[in-house]
Every structure is written in C-alpha cells, then in structure tokens.
Amino acid sequence: MKLLDRITIDPAKGGGRPCIRDLRIRVVDILDMLAGGATDVEILEDFPDLERDDIRAALAFAARQSDHPVLPPAAE
C-alpha cells in the first residue's frame, strides 16, 4: 500500500476532511499532535487503530498539500 493510499476523504466522515484509512481520525489531528511535540509512540497509544505508516502518510499528505508552484510577479 502506498502511503498516500492511506488517506481517505469521505463527506460522511470527519466533515469531509482527509482521514486515515476511513477511521474517522483526521490527518490534521495527527499533524497537530506532531506539531505539539507528541512522539509516534504517544500518538499510537492515543489511537490504537493507527499504524506507524499512518503517521508517515499524514506527513506525506501535508507535504504534498504545501507543495505549490511559485508564480513570478505579474508584469506591470
């Protein structure tokens, strides 16, 4: 399974926000925990249904979302 295949979007779950494997665990929740200093072990303890690759998938998804082309300034 590719990492990004672990990310699912279903309008009926998580308010349509990206979730981990249809588990109703939102990607943003994992990212917020990581940003707050939580370790992988702590996250896995808080969410027993998660796997270590789910955390990696959340990071990969965030990296893809933040990658956008840099547009040159508009000509005047």
C-alpha atoms as a PDB file:
ATOM      1  CA  MET A   1       0.000   0.000   0.000  1.00  0.00           C
ATOM      2  CA  LYS A   2       1.350   3.397  -0.952  1.00  0.00           C
ATOM      3  CA  LEU A   3       1.442   5.899   1.898  1.00  0.00           C
ATOM      4  CA  LEU A   4      -0.991   8.314   0.285  1.00  0.00           C
ATOM      5  CA  ASP A   5      -3.480   5.474  -0.304  1.00  0.00           C
ATOM      6  CA  ARG A   6      -3.957   5.502   3.467  1.00  0.00           C
ATOM      7  CA  ILE A   7      -5.562   8.950   3.234  1.00  0.00           C
ATOM      8  CA  THR A   8      -9.282   8.876   2.533  1.00  0.00           C
ATOM      9  CA  ILE A   9     -11.825  11.620   2.037  1.00  0.00           C
ATOM     10  CA  ASP A  10     -15.475  10.852   2.690  1.00  0.00           C
ATOM     11  CA  PRO A  11     -18.078  13.616   3.116  1.00  0.00           C
ATOM     12  CA  ALA A  12     -19.759  11.473   5.793  1.00  0.00           C
ATOM     13  CA  LYS A  13     -16.623  11.194   7.944  1.00  0.00           C
ATOM     14  CA  GLY A  14     -14.552  13.877   9.596  1.00  0.00           C
ATOM     15  CA  GLY A  15     -16.616  16.626   7.996  1.00  0.00           C
ATOM     16  CA  GLY A  16     -15.203  15.654   4.611  1.00  0.00           C
ATOM     17  CA  ARG A  17     -11.666  16.347   5.776  1.00  0.00           C
ATOM     18  CA  PRO A  18      -8.827  13.944   4.963  1.00  0.00           C
ATOM     19  CA  CYS A  19      -8.791  10.980   7.347  1.00  0.00           C
ATOM     20  CA  ILE A  20      -6.639   7.951   7.947  1.00  0.00           C
ATOM     21  CA  ARG A  21      -7.973   4.747   6.328  1.00  0.00           C
ATOM     22  CA  ASP A  22     -11.652   5.638   6.868  1.00  0.00           C
ATOM     23  CA  LEU A  23     -11.082   5.516  10.636  1.00  0.00           C
ATOM     24  CA  ARG A  24     -12.545   8.953  11.383  1.00  0.00           C
ATOM     25  CA  ILE A  25      -9.092  10.012  12.575  1.00  0.00           C
ATOM     26  CA  ARG A  26      -8.346  13.227  10.731  1.00  0.00           C
ATOM     27  CA  VAL A  27      -4.957  13.950   9.205  1.00  0.00           C
ATOM     28  CA  VAL A  28      -4.998  17.358  10.884  1.00  0.00           C
ATOM     29  CA  ASP A  29      -5.330  15.708  14.308  1.00  0.00           C
ATOM     30  CA  ILE A  30      -2.170  13.678  13.700  1.00  0.00           C
ATOM     31  CA  LEU A  31      -0.326  16.745  12.396  1.00  0.00           C
ATOM     32  CA  ASP A  32      -1.438  18.853  15.376  1.00  0.00           C
ATOM     33  CA  MET A  33      -0.147  16.217  17.771  1.00  0.00           C
ATOM     34  CA  LEU A  34       3.196  16.059  15.984  1.00  0.00           C
ATOM     35  CA  ALA A  35       3.435  19.858  15.972  1.00  0.00           C
ATOM     36  CA  GLY A  36       2.711  19.831  19.695  1.00  0.00           C
ATOM     37  CA  GLY A  37       5.684  17.556  20.302  1.00  0.00           C
ATOM     38  CA  ALA A  38       3.953  14.178  20.556  1.00  0.00           C
ATOM     39  CA  THR A  39       6.047  11.201  19.564  1.00  0.00           C
ATOM     40  CA  ASP A  40       4.938   8.418  17.251  1.00  0.00           C
ATOM     41  CA  VAL A  41       4.635   6.153  20.281  1.00  0.00           C
ATOM     42  CA  GLU A  42       2.363   8.614  22.095  1.00  0.00           C
ATOM     43  CA  ILE A  43       0.148   9.024  19.039  1.00  0.00           C
ATOM     44  CA  LEU A  44      -0.115   5.264  18.586  1.00  0.00           C
ATOM     45  CA  GLU A  45      -1.042   4.913  22.255  1.00  0.00           C
ATOM     46  CA  ASP A  46      -3.771   7.564  21.902  1.00  0.00           C
ATOM     47  CA  PHE A  47      -5.106   5.982  18.699  1.00  0.00           C
ATOM     48  CA  PRO A  48      -4.676   2.187  18.973  1.00  0.00           C
ATOM     49  CA  ASP A  49      -6.165   1.638  15.489  1.00  0.00           C
ATOM     50  CA  LEU A  50      -3.352   3.627  13.875  1.00  0.00           C
ATOM     51  CA  GLU A  51      -0.200   2.149  12.416  1.00  0.00           C
ATOM     52  CA  ARG A  52       3.177   3.853  12.187  1.00  0.00           C
ATOM     53  CA  ASP A  53       2.759   4.179   8.404  1.00  0.00           C
ATOM     54  CA  ASP A  54      -0.467   6.145   9.005  1.00  0.00           C
ATOM     55  CA  ILE A  55       1.599   8.836  10.725  1.00  0.00           C
ATOM     56  CA  ARG A  56       4.042   8.846   7.834  1.00  0.00           C
ATOM     57  CA  ALA A  57       1.087   9.097   5.436  1.00  0.00           C
ATOM     58  CA  ALA A  58      -0.237  12.157   7.269  1.00  0.00           C
ATOM     59  CA  LEU A  59       3.160  13.824   6.907  1.00  0.00           C
ATOM     60  CA  ALA A  60       3.423  12.875   3.236  1.00  0.00           C
ATOM     61  CA  PHE A  61      -0.076  14.239   2.611  1.00  0.00           C
ATOM     62  CA  ALA A  62       0.800  17.531   4.313  1.00  0.00           C
ATOM     63  CA  ALA A  63       3.996  17.802   2.275  1.00  0.00           C
ATOM     64  CA  ARG A  64       2.048  17.319  -0.948  1.00  0.00           C
ATOM     65  CA  GLN A  65      -0.535  19.904   0.070  1.00  0.00           C
ATOM     66  CA  SER A  66       2.087  22.529   0.808  1.00  0.00           C
ATOM     67  CA  ASP A  67       3.957  21.997  -2.465  1.00  0.00           C
ATOM     68  CA  HIS A  68       2.742  24.586  -4.932  1.00  0.00           C
ATOM     69  CA  PRO A  69       4.417  26.354  -7.800  1.00  0.00           C
ATOM     70  CA  VAL A  70       5.995  29.705  -7.177  1.00  0.00           C
ATOM     71  CA  LEU A  71       4.450  32.159  -9.602  1.00  0.00           C
ATOM     72  CA  PRO A  72       6.509  35.009 -10.963  1.00  0.00           C
ATOM     73  CA  PRO A  73       5.299  38.520 -10.122  1.00  0.00           C
ATOM     74  CA  ALA A  74       2.728  39.880 -12.542  1.00  0.00           C
ATOM     75  CA  ALA A  75       4.109  42.193 -15.212  1.00  0.00           C
ATOM     76  CA  GLU A  76       3.096  45.767 -14.730  1.00  0.00           C
END
